[in-house]
Amino acid sequence: MVQILQARNVTLGELSDRFGLELTDNEQFFWEWQDNLPDVAHTERERLDRVKSNFLDLLEYPPLLENTVKLVVLSPLLDLVNVYQKPFHIKSEPSFEIMTEDEGTVIRGDVDVLVLWEKLWVMVIEAKRAAVDVDEGRAQLLSYMLANPVVEKPTFGMITNGRNFLFIKLIRQPVPRYALSRLFSLVNPGNELYTVLGILKHLVALVQQDGRNGTR
């Protein structure tokens, strides 16, 4: 009998047991969030300062739910990395499912925001309520990323509740392995959205380079 699990309820232990998913602490595994980040222009910093100010003001009027997080925080970030324009396109909340090799378990769910380069999934973004710890969405996001049909390419993800941001890199071959960035937060001094934007720009540039080189 096939067991059906909802992605929002799946645990990291279940992903490990059923799909062999492993967490690695090798710092070189996920170098893309640390090395060769592009500069963030002065005008971009001004806009990100406004995003941070808007979000902090909204925290005074809870609850701050997913749709508000998407509108106030995610939308400006995605606009600044130009993924609303070709060759990228966005699908909002497409359904998906993944199945274990023995076809004994199916995980089903809906992706909050999916950014695509043709058939390559660039970023899966799981927007959580501002009061929820982003790490609570890690298993759910990894479920989405495991559903990527392009198994030979890395998949990158980002979870945010508006206040905090966490990046994930997943590879599927020879075994599913993933690594995490450090946690970025809007409550830290300065504005860590500058670094978040730099990472997003870098991931987009890497995928575009793959496309131009014909390696997708």
C-alpha atoms as a PDB file:
ATOM      1  CA  MET A   1       0.000   0.000   0.000  1.00  0.00           C
ATOM      2  CA  VAL A   2       1.366   3.419  -0.983  1.00  0.00           C
ATOM      3  CA  GLN A   3       1.782   5.885   1.899  1.00  0.00           C
ATOM      4  CA  ILE A   4       1.024   9.531   1.016  1.00  0.00           C
ATOM      5  CA  LEU A   5       2.716  12.310   3.009  1.00  0.00           C
ATOM      6  CA  GLN A   6       2.075  16.039   2.759  1.00  0.00           C
ATOM      7  CA  ALA A   7       5.275  18.066   2.297  1.00  0.00           C
ATOM      8  CA  ARG A   8       4.256  20.514   5.024  1.00  0.00           C
ATOM      9  CA  ASN A   9       4.218  17.633   7.533  1.00  0.00           C
ATOM     10  CA  VAL A  10       7.303  15.686   6.420  1.00  0.00           C
ATOM     11  CA  THR A  11      10.354  15.561   8.711  1.00  0.00           C
ATOM     12  CA  LEU A  12      14.081  15.562   8.007  1.00  0.00           C
ATOM     13  CA  GLY A  13      14.235  12.057   9.461  1.00  0.00           C
ATOM     14  CA  GLU A  14      11.670  10.796   6.965  1.00  0.00           C
ATOM     15  CA  LEU A  15      13.592  12.345   4.054  1.00  0.00           C
ATOM     16  CA  SER A  16      16.749  10.677   5.315  1.00  0.00           C
ATOM     17  CA  ASP A  17      15.128   7.271   5.831  1.00  0.00           C
ATOM     18  CA  ARG A  18      13.106   7.193   2.624  1.00  0.00           C
ATOM     19  CA  PHE A  19      15.352   9.048   0.147  1.00  0.00           C
ATOM     20  CA  GLY A  20      18.819   8.727   1.683  1.00  0.00           C
ATOM     21  CA  LEU A  21      19.128  12.505   2.085  1.00  0.00           C
ATOM     22  CA  GLU A  22      22.318  13.604   3.884  1.00  0.00           C
ATOM     23  CA  LEU A  23      23.409  16.929   5.427  1.00  0.00           C
ATOM     24  CA  THR A  24      27.059  17.805   4.803  1.00  0.00           C
ATOM     25  CA  ASP A  25      29.154  20.281   6.784  1.00  0.00           C
ATOM     26  CA  ASN A  26      31.838  20.489   4.077  1.00  0.00           C
ATOM     27  CA  GLU A  27      32.308  24.242   3.612  1.00  0.00           C
ATOM     28  CA  GLN A  28      33.360  23.762  -0.020  1.00  0.00           C
ATOM     29  CA  PHE A  29      30.154  21.919  -0.909  1.00  0.00           C
ATOM     30  CA  PHE A  30      28.090  25.120  -0.883  1.00  0.00           C
ATOM     31  CA  TRP A  31      30.639  27.722  -1.950  1.00  0.00           C
ATOM     32  CA  GLU A  32      28.148  29.713  -4.039  1.00  0.00           C
ATOM     33  CA  TRP A  33      26.797  31.706  -1.100  1.00  0.00           C
ATOM     34  CA  GLN A  34      30.293  32.738   0.047  1.00  0.00           C
ATOM     35  CA  ASP A  35      32.586  33.362  -2.952  1.00  0.00           C
ATOM     36  CA  ASN A  36      32.571  35.854  -5.824  1.00  0.00           C
ATOM     37  CA  LEU A  37      29.391  37.646  -4.800  1.00  0.00           C
ATOM     38  CA  PRO A  38      28.569  40.590  -7.082  1.00  0.00           C
ATOM     39  CA  ASP A  39      28.452  44.162  -5.837  1.00  0.00           C
ATOM     40  CA  VAL A  40      25.162  45.678  -4.736  1.00  0.00           C
ATOM     41  CA  ALA A  41      24.681  49.125  -6.236  1.00  0.00           C
ATOM     42  CA  HIS A  42      23.891  52.219  -4.170  1.00  0.00           C
ATOM     43  CA  THR A  43      20.387  52.448  -5.649  1.00  0.00           C
ATOM     44  CA  GLU A  44      19.772  48.786  -4.793  1.00  0.00           C
ATOM     45  CA  ARG A  45      20.926  49.377  -1.218  1.00  0.00           C
ATOM     46  CA  GLU A  46      18.509  52.291  -0.912  1.00  0.00           C
ATOM     47  CA  ARG A  47      15.642  50.090  -2.053  1.00  0.00           C
ATOM     48  CA  LEU A  48      16.660  47.294   0.328  1.00  0.00           C
ATOM     49  CA  ASP A  49      16.813  49.796   3.191  1.00  0.00           C
ATOM     50  CA  ARG A  50      13.215  50.675   2.407  1.00  0.00           C
ATOM     51  CA  VAL A  51      12.252  46.967   2.300  1.00  0.00           C
ATOM     52  CA  LYS A  52      13.779  46.449   5.756  1.00  0.00           C
ATOM     53  CA  SER A  53      12.074  49.565   7.122  1.00  0.00           C
ATOM     54  CA  ASN A  54       8.700  48.478   5.688  1.00  0.00           C
ATOM     55  CA  PHE A  55       9.011  45.016   7.196  1.00  0.00           C
ATOM     56  CA  LEU A  56      10.010  46.263  10.639  1.00  0.00           C
ATOM     57  CA  ASP A  57       7.087  48.709  10.638  1.00  0.00           C
ATOM     58  CA  LEU A  58       4.662  45.907   9.721  1.00  0.00           C
ATOM     59  CA  LEU A  59       5.875  43.815  12.659  1.00  0.00           C
ATOM     60  CA  GLU A  60       4.073  46.279  14.912  1.00  0.00           C
ATOM     61  CA  TYR A  61       0.750  45.081  13.456  1.00  0.00           C
ATOM     62  CA  PRO A  62       0.719  41.271  13.721  1.00  0.00           C
ATOM     63  CA  PRO A  63       0.001  38.745  12.432  1.00  0.00           C
ATOM     64  CA  LEU A  64       2.300  39.074   9.423  1.00  0.00           C
ATOM     65  CA  LEU A  65       1.275  36.197   7.155  1.00  0.00           C
ATOM     66  CA  GLU A  66       2.815  34.531   4.099  1.00  0.00           C
ATOM     67  CA  ASN A  67       1.154  36.702   1.457  1.00  0.00           C
ATOM     68  CA  THR A  68       2.369  39.862   3.186  1.00  0.00           C
ATOM     69  CA  VAL A  69       5.911  38.468   3.412  1.00  0.00           C
ATOM     70  CA  LYS A  70       5.819  37.743  -0.317  1.00  0.00           C
ATOM     71  CA  LEU A  71       4.541  41.220  -1.147  1.00  0.00           C
ATOM     72  CA  VAL A  72       6.803  43.258   1.124  1.00  0.00           C
ATOM     73  CA  VAL A  73      10.057  41.256   1.081  1.00  0.00           C
ATOM     74  CA  LEU A  74      10.200  38.600  -1.657  1.00  0.00           C
ATOM     75  CA  SER A  75       8.786  40.590  -4.532  1.00  0.00           C
ATOM     76  CA  PRO A  76      11.346  43.443  -4.333  1.00  0.00           C
ATOM     77  CA  LEU A  77      14.230  40.952  -4.036  1.00  0.00           C
ATOM     78  CA  LEU A  78      13.131  38.945  -7.062  1.00  0.00           C
ATOM     79  CA  ASP A  79      12.603  42.132  -9.052  1.00  0.00           C
ATOM     80  CA  LEU A  80      16.156  43.277  -8.299  1.00  0.00           C
ATOM     81  CA  VAL A  81      17.608  40.015  -9.664  1.00  0.00           C
ATOM     82  CA  ASN A  82      15.466  40.314 -12.831  1.00  0.00           C
ATOM     83  CA  VAL A  83      13.800  36.916 -12.614  1.00  0.00           C
ATOM     84  CA  TYR A  84      10.492  38.406 -13.683  1.00  0.00           C
ATOM     85  CA  GLN A  85      12.030  38.805 -17.151  1.00  0.00           C
ATOM     86  CA  LYS A  86      13.059  36.317 -19.840  1.00  0.00           C
ATOM     87  CA  PRO A  87      14.719  33.813 -19.905  1.00  0.00           C
ATOM     88  CA  PHE A  88      13.400  33.284 -16.360  1.00  0.00           C
ATOM     89  CA  HIS A  89       9.775  32.871 -15.470  1.00  0.00           C
ATOM     90  CA  ILE A  90       7.901  32.243 -12.245  1.00  0.00           C
ATOM     91  CA  LYS A  91       5.266  29.710 -11.374  1.00  0.00           C
ATOM     92  CA  SER A  92       3.464  30.357  -8.126  1.00  0.00           C
ATOM     93  CA  GLU A  93       2.461  27.345  -6.027  1.00  0.00           C
ATOM     94  CA  PRO A  94       2.634  24.546  -8.614  1.00  0.00           C
ATOM     95  CA  SER A  95       1.826  21.129  -7.197  1.00  0.00           C
ATOM     96  CA  PHE A  96       4.404  18.343  -7.179  1.00  0.00           C
ATOM     97  CA  GLU A  97       5.033  14.856  -5.884  1.00  0.00           C
ATOM     98  CA  ILE A  98       8.066  12.634  -5.318  1.00  0.00           C
ATOM     99  CA  MET A  99       8.126   8.866  -4.849  1.00  0.00           C
ATOM    100  CA  THR A 100      10.595   6.508  -3.193  1.00  0.00           C
ATOM    101  CA  GLU A 101      12.388   4.025  -5.451  1.00  0.00           C
ATOM    102  CA  ASP A 102      10.285   1.149  -4.133  1.00  0.00           C
ATOM    103  CA  GLU A 103       7.162   3.270  -4.830  1.00  0.00           C
ATOM    104  CA  GLY A 104       6.068   2.785  -1.232  1.00  0.00           C
ATOM    105  CA  THR A 105       5.840   6.475  -0.269  1.00  0.00           C
ATOM    106  CA  VAL A 106       4.605   9.556  -2.137  1.00  0.00           C
ATOM    107  CA  ILE A 107       5.188  13.094  -0.851  1.00  0.00           C
ATOM    108  CA  ARG A 108       2.868  15.769  -2.223  1.00  0.00           C
ATOM    109  CA  GLY A 109       2.880  19.540  -1.800  1.00  0.00           C
ATOM    110  CA  ASP A 110       2.684  23.013  -3.299  1.00  0.00           C
ATOM    111  CA  VAL A 111       5.649  25.322  -3.898  1.00  0.00           C
ATOM    112  CA  ASP A 112       5.216  28.932  -2.779  1.00  0.00           C
ATOM    113  CA  VAL A 113       7.381  30.500  -5.499  1.00  0.00           C
ATOM    114  CA  LEU A 114       9.366  28.635  -8.140  1.00  0.00           C
ATOM    115  CA  VAL A 115      11.870  30.426 -10.379  1.00  0.00           C
ATOM    116  CA  LEU A 116      12.722  28.543 -13.552  1.00  0.00           C
ATOM    117  CA  TRP A 117      15.444  28.666 -16.197  1.00  0.00           C
ATOM    118  CA  GLU A 118      13.746  26.683 -18.934  1.00  0.00           C
ATOM    119  CA  LYS A 119      13.456  23.267 -17.215  1.00  0.00           C
ATOM    120  CA  LEU A 120      16.054  23.973 -14.521  1.00  0.00           C
ATOM    121  CA  TRP A 121      14.700  24.913 -11.108  1.00  0.00           C
ATOM    122  CA  VAL A 122      16.854  27.761  -9.893  1.00  0.00           C
ATOM    123  CA  MET A 123      15.325  28.713  -6.577  1.00  0.00           C
ATOM    124  CA  VAL A 124      12.481  27.343  -4.557  1.00  0.00           C
ATOM    125  CA  ILE A 125      11.330  29.913  -2.029  1.00  0.00           C
ATOM    126  CA  GLU A 126       9.245  28.911   0.939  1.00  0.00           C
ATOM    127  CA  ALA A 127       7.713  31.966   2.595  1.00  0.00           C
ATOM    128  CA  LYS A 128       6.815  31.271   6.209  1.00  0.00           C
ATOM    129  CA  ARG A 129       4.843  33.410   8.638  1.00  0.00           C
ATOM    130  CA  ALA A 130       7.005  36.003  10.372  1.00  0.00           C
ATOM    131  CA  ALA A 131       6.474  34.340  13.744  1.00  0.00           C
ATOM    132  CA  VAL A 132       7.691  30.934  12.481  1.00  0.00           C
ATOM    133  CA  ASP A 133      11.350  29.864  12.635  1.00  0.00           C
ATOM    134  CA  VAL A 134      12.624  29.439   9.069  1.00  0.00           C
ATOM    135  CA  ASP A 135      14.296  26.156  10.007  1.00  0.00           C
ATOM    136  CA  GLU A 136      10.833  24.679  10.509  1.00  0.00           C
ATOM    137  CA  GLY A 137      10.436  24.909   6.724  1.00  0.00           C
ATOM    138  CA  ARG A 138      13.679  23.090   5.915  1.00  0.00           C
ATOM    139  CA  ALA A 139      12.188  19.619   5.398  1.00  0.00           C
ATOM    140  CA  GLN A 140       9.327  21.060   3.366  1.00  0.00           C
ATOM    141  CA  LEU A 141      11.693  23.001   1.104  1.00  0.00           C
ATOM    142  CA  LEU A 142      13.975  19.987   0.647  1.00  0.00           C
ATOM    143  CA  SER A 143      10.932  17.936  -0.376  1.00  0.00           C
ATOM    144  CA  TYR A 144      10.268  20.442  -3.147  1.00  0.00           C
ATOM    145  CA  MET A 145      13.913  20.415  -4.225  1.00  0.00           C
ATOM    146  CA  LEU A 146      14.027  16.618  -4.336  1.00  0.00           C
ATOM    147  CA  ALA A 147      11.160  16.770  -6.823  1.00  0.00           C
ATOM    148  CA  ASN A 148      13.377  18.583  -9.340  1.00  0.00           C
ATOM    149  CA  PRO A 149      13.412  16.388 -12.483  1.00  0.00           C
ATOM    150  CA  VAL A 150      16.856  17.740 -13.495  1.00  0.00           C
ATOM    151  CA  VAL A 151      18.909  15.385 -11.334  1.00  0.00           C
ATOM    152  CA  GLU A 152      22.339  16.199 -12.807  1.00  0.00           C
ATOM    153  CA  LYS A 153      22.292  19.859 -11.756  1.00  0.00           C
ATOM    154  CA  PRO A 154      22.394  21.444  -8.277  1.00  0.00           C
ATOM    155  CA  THR A 155      19.188  22.956  -6.958  1.00  0.00           C
ATOM    156  CA  PHE A 156      19.283  26.072  -4.797  1.00  0.00           C
ATOM    157  CA  GLY A 157      16.635  27.124  -2.323  1.00  0.00           C
ATOM    158  CA  MET A 158      15.863  29.943   0.063  1.00  0.00           C
ATOM    159  CA  ILE A 159      13.510  29.987   3.035  1.00  0.00           C
ATOM    160  CA  THR A 160      12.375  33.266   4.510  1.00  0.00           C
ATOM    161  CA  ASN A 161       9.862  34.464   7.052  1.00  0.00           C
ATOM    162  CA  GLY A 162      10.642  38.057   6.088  1.00  0.00           C
ATOM    163  CA  ARG A 163      12.875  38.527   9.132  1.00  0.00           C
ATOM    164  CA  ASN A 164      15.355  35.670   8.503  1.00  0.00           C
ATOM    165  CA  PHE A 165      16.825  34.075   5.367  1.00  0.00           C
ATOM    166  CA  LEU A 166      18.422  30.651   4.901  1.00  0.00           C
ATOM    167  CA  PHE A 167      19.908  29.292   1.652  1.00  0.00           C
ATOM    168  CA  ILE A 168      20.161  25.589   0.757  1.00  0.00           C
ATOM    169  CA  LYS A 169      22.084  23.739  -1.948  1.00  0.00           C
ATOM    170  CA  LEU A 170      21.056  20.208  -2.943  1.00  0.00           C
ATOM    171  CA  ILE A 171      22.744  17.729  -5.275  1.00  0.00           C
ATOM    172  CA  ARG A 172      21.092  14.452  -6.242  1.00  0.00           C
ATOM    173  CA  GLN A 173      23.983  12.362  -7.548  1.00  0.00           C
ATOM    174  CA  PRO A 174      25.495  10.009  -6.505  1.00  0.00           C
ATOM    175  CA  VAL A 175      23.360  10.384  -3.345  1.00  0.00           C
ATOM    176  CA  PRO A 176      21.115  13.273  -2.257  1.00  0.00           C
ATOM    177  CA  ARG A 177      23.193  15.681  -0.159  1.00  0.00           C
ATOM    178  CA  TYR A 178      22.581  19.236   0.965  1.00  0.00           C
ATOM    179  CA  ALA A 179      24.273  22.065   2.843  1.00  0.00           C
ATOM    180  CA  LEU A 180      23.116  25.292   4.480  1.00  0.00           C
ATOM    181  CA  SER A 181      24.304  28.885   4.402  1.00  0.00           C
ATOM    182  CA  ARG A 182      24.505  30.862   7.597  1.00  0.00           C
ATOM    183  CA  LEU A 183      21.295  32.505   8.759  1.00  0.00           C
ATOM    184  CA  PHE A 184      20.774  36.127   7.685  1.00  0.00           C
ATOM    185  CA  SER A 185      18.499  38.337   9.763  1.00  0.00           C
ATOM    186  CA  LEU A 186      16.948  41.783   9.452  1.00  0.00           C
ATOM    187  CA  VAL A 187      17.262  42.305  13.197  1.00  0.00           C
ATOM    188  CA  ASN A 188      21.075  42.263  12.977  1.00  0.00           C
ATOM    189  CA  PRO A 189      22.945  45.589  12.759  1.00  0.00           C
ATOM    190  CA  GLY A 190      23.175  47.032   9.269  1.00  0.00           C
ATOM    191  CA  ASN A 191      21.129  45.499   6.480  1.00  0.00           C
ATOM    192  CA  GLU A 192      21.865  41.856   5.653  1.00  0.00           C
ATOM    193  CA  LEU A 193      19.522  42.087   2.674  1.00  0.00           C
ATOM    194  CA  TYR A 194      22.575  43.417   0.820  1.00  0.00           C
ATOM    195  CA  THR A 195      24.252  40.008   1.155  1.00  0.00           C
ATOM    196  CA  VAL A 196      21.004  38.141   0.468  1.00  0.00           C
ATOM    197  CA  LEU A 197      20.640  40.056  -2.792  1.00  0.00           C
ATOM    198  CA  GLY A 198      24.281  39.368  -3.690  1.00  0.00           C
ATOM    199  CA  ILE A 199      23.747  35.626  -3.204  1.00  0.00           C
ATOM    200  CA  LEU A 200      20.574  35.655  -5.305  1.00  0.00           C
ATOM    201  CA  LYS A 201      22.382  37.545  -8.062  1.00  0.00           C
ATOM    202  CA  HIS A 202      25.226  35.025  -7.989  1.00  0.00           C
ATOM    203  CA  LEU A 203      22.917  32.001  -8.251  1.00  0.00           C
ATOM    204  CA  VAL A 204      21.048  33.570 -11.166  1.00  0.00           C
ATOM    205  CA  ALA A 205      24.323  34.408 -12.936  1.00  0.00           C
ATOM    206  CA  LEU A 206      25.614  30.832 -12.535  1.00  0.00           C
ATOM    207  CA  VAL A 207      22.473  29.396 -14.106  1.00  0.00           C
ATOM    208  CA  GLN A 208      22.585  31.882 -16.965  1.00  0.00           C
ATOM    209  CA  GLN A 209      26.217  30.958 -17.592  1.00  0.00           C
ATOM    210  CA  ASP A 210      25.265  27.279 -17.759  1.00  0.00           C
ATOM    211  CA  GLY A 211      22.615  28.168 -20.308  1.00  0.00           C
ATOM    212  CA  ARG A 212      24.998  30.151 -22.501  1.00  0.00           C
ATOM    213  CA  ASN A 213      27.547  27.335 -22.360  1.00  0.00           C
ATOM    214  CA  GLY A 214      24.962  24.819 -23.387  1.00  0.00           C
ATOM    215  CA  THR A 215      25.513  22.720 -20.266  1.00  0.00           C
ATOM    216  CA  ARG A 216      21.968  22.699 -18.914  1.00  0.00           C
END
